Amino acid sequence: MTGIDDQNPLQTKLENELNSSEWLQKFKAINQLLHSLKAEIETMQHCELKWDTSCNGLTIHCPSAEIVEQFQQQQAVIVGIADYANNIVLVAPDGSQVLLKSL
């Protein structure tokens, strides 16, 4: 009996190319970063996190001004976890923004 790899070498080649692609590696890094933020900072679970691939930026939409203040006090922790991000912005419910990191 032959395996799937033997039956479809083109599919195997494409899967190998995808798995080693720069795009997939970036996607995995972003996914890990977002999971780490939510795991390390419990309050982050109440926020909407958006990644901007055009600038490697992270926007954190906070549900309250109190959470914005809390995250400002935890700036070093957030920047440390999200070191892959070039920019990190907190957005308060009123639309005001606080820049935590900018390159």
Protein backbone atom coordinates (compact mmCIF):
# COMPACT_ATOMS: atom_id res chain seq x y z
CA MET A 1 0.00 0.00 0.00
CA THR A 2 1.37 3.41 -0.93
CA GLY A 3 1.15 6.50 1.27
CA ILE A 4 -0.46 9.80 0.35
CA ASP A 5 2.99 11.32 -0.15
CA ASP A 6 3.74 8.73 -2.83
CA GLN A 7 0.42 9.36 -4.56
CA ASN A 8 0.62 13.13 -4.73
CA PRO A 9 4.17 14.49 -4.85
CA LEU A 10 2.96 17.95 -5.97
CA GLN A 11 0.80 18.29 -2.86
CA THR A 12 3.72 17.24 -0.67
CA LYS A 13 6.00 19.74 -2.39
CA LEU A 14 3.47 22.58 -1.95
CA GLU A 15 2.90 21.70 1.73
CA ASN A 16 6.66 21.69 2.35
CA GLU A 17 7.03 25.08 0.64
CA LEU A 18 4.16 26.52 2.68
CA ASN A 19 5.54 25.16 5.96
CA SER A 20 8.91 26.75 5.29
CA SER A 21 7.50 30.01 3.93
CA GLU A 22 8.37 33.35 5.50
CA TRP A 23 4.68 34.27 5.53
CA LEU A 24 3.74 31.23 7.64
CA GLN A 25 6.61 31.84 10.04
CA LYS A 26 5.43 35.45 10.54
CA PHE A 27 1.86 34.26 11.06
CA LYS A 28 3.01 31.76 13.69
CA ALA A 29 5.05 34.45 15.47
CA ILE A 30 2.07 36.84 15.54
CA ASN A 31 -0.24 34.10 16.78
CA GLN A 32 2.19 33.19 19.57
CA LEU A 33 2.62 36.85 20.52
CA LEU A 34 -1.14 37.40 20.84
CA HIS A 35 -1.61 34.20 22.85
CA SER A 36 1.27 35.14 25.15
CA LEU A 37 -0.19 38.59 25.83
CA LYS A 38 -3.55 37.11 26.80
CA ALA A 39 -1.94 34.38 28.90
CA GLU A 40 0.54 36.62 30.75
CA ILE A 41 -1.77 39.61 31.32
CA GLU A 42 -5.18 38.38 32.41
CA THR A 43 -6.94 41.71 31.77
CA MET A 44 -5.82 41.50 28.12
CA GLN A 45 -8.50 38.83 27.61
CA HIS A 46 -11.12 41.59 27.77
CA CYS A 47 -9.47 43.54 24.95
CA GLU A 48 -9.67 43.31 21.19
CA LEU A 49 -6.20 42.85 19.69
CA LYS A 50 -5.59 43.82 16.07
CA TRP A 51 -2.40 43.20 14.12
CA ASP A 52 -1.48 45.48 11.22
CA THR A 53 0.78 43.51 8.87
CA SER A 54 1.69 46.61 6.85
CA CYS A 55 3.69 48.07 9.75
CA ASN A 56 4.02 45.12 12.15
CA GLY A 57 1.89 47.07 14.57
CA LEU A 58 -0.35 45.97 17.40
CA THR A 59 -3.46 47.88 18.42
CA ILE A 60 -5.07 47.00 21.73
CA HIS A 61 -8.69 48.17 22.02
CA CYS A 62 -9.40 48.51 25.74
CA PRO A 63 -12.93 48.31 27.16
CA SER A 64 -12.31 50.99 29.80
CA ALA A 65 -10.06 53.92 30.67
CA GLU A 66 -9.00 52.03 33.81
CA ILE A 67 -7.56 49.22 31.70
CA VAL A 68 -5.71 51.75 29.56
CA GLU A 69 -4.14 53.16 32.73
CA GLN A 70 -3.30 49.68 33.99
CA PHE A 71 -1.59 48.81 30.70
CA GLN A 72 0.37 52.07 30.77
CA GLN A 73 1.76 50.97 34.14
CA GLN A 74 2.60 47.57 32.61
CA GLN A 75 4.24 49.09 29.54
CA ALA A 76 7.58 47.31 30.03
CA VAL A 77 5.86 43.92 30.39
CA ILE A 78 3.68 44.44 27.31
CA VAL A 79 6.57 45.70 25.18
CA GLY A 80 8.69 42.79 26.39
CA ILE A 81 6.11 40.21 25.37
CA ALA A 82 5.24 41.99 22.11
CA ASP A 83 8.85 42.69 21.12
CA TYR A 84 8.07 41.55 17.56
CA ALA A 85 5.75 44.55 17.12
CA ASN A 86 7.19 47.77 15.74
CA ASN A 87 4.32 49.83 17.18
CA ILE A 88 1.98 49.18 20.09
CA VAL A 89 -1.03 51.45 20.59
CA LEU A 90 -3.70 51.38 23.28
CA VAL A 91 -7.13 52.64 22.23
CA ALA A 92 -9.57 53.77 24.90
CA PRO A 93 -13.35 53.50 24.50
CA ASP A 94 -13.53 57.23 23.66
CA GLY A 95 -11.10 56.69 20.76
CA SER A 96 -8.11 58.35 22.39
CA GLN A 97 -4.81 56.59 21.82
CA VAL A 98 -1.74 55.96 23.94
CA LEU A 99 1.48 54.92 22.21
CA LEU A 100 3.38 52.27 24.18
CA LYS A 101 6.04 51.57 21.57
CA SER A 102 7.15 53.11 18.29
CA LEU A 103 10.14 52.49 16.08
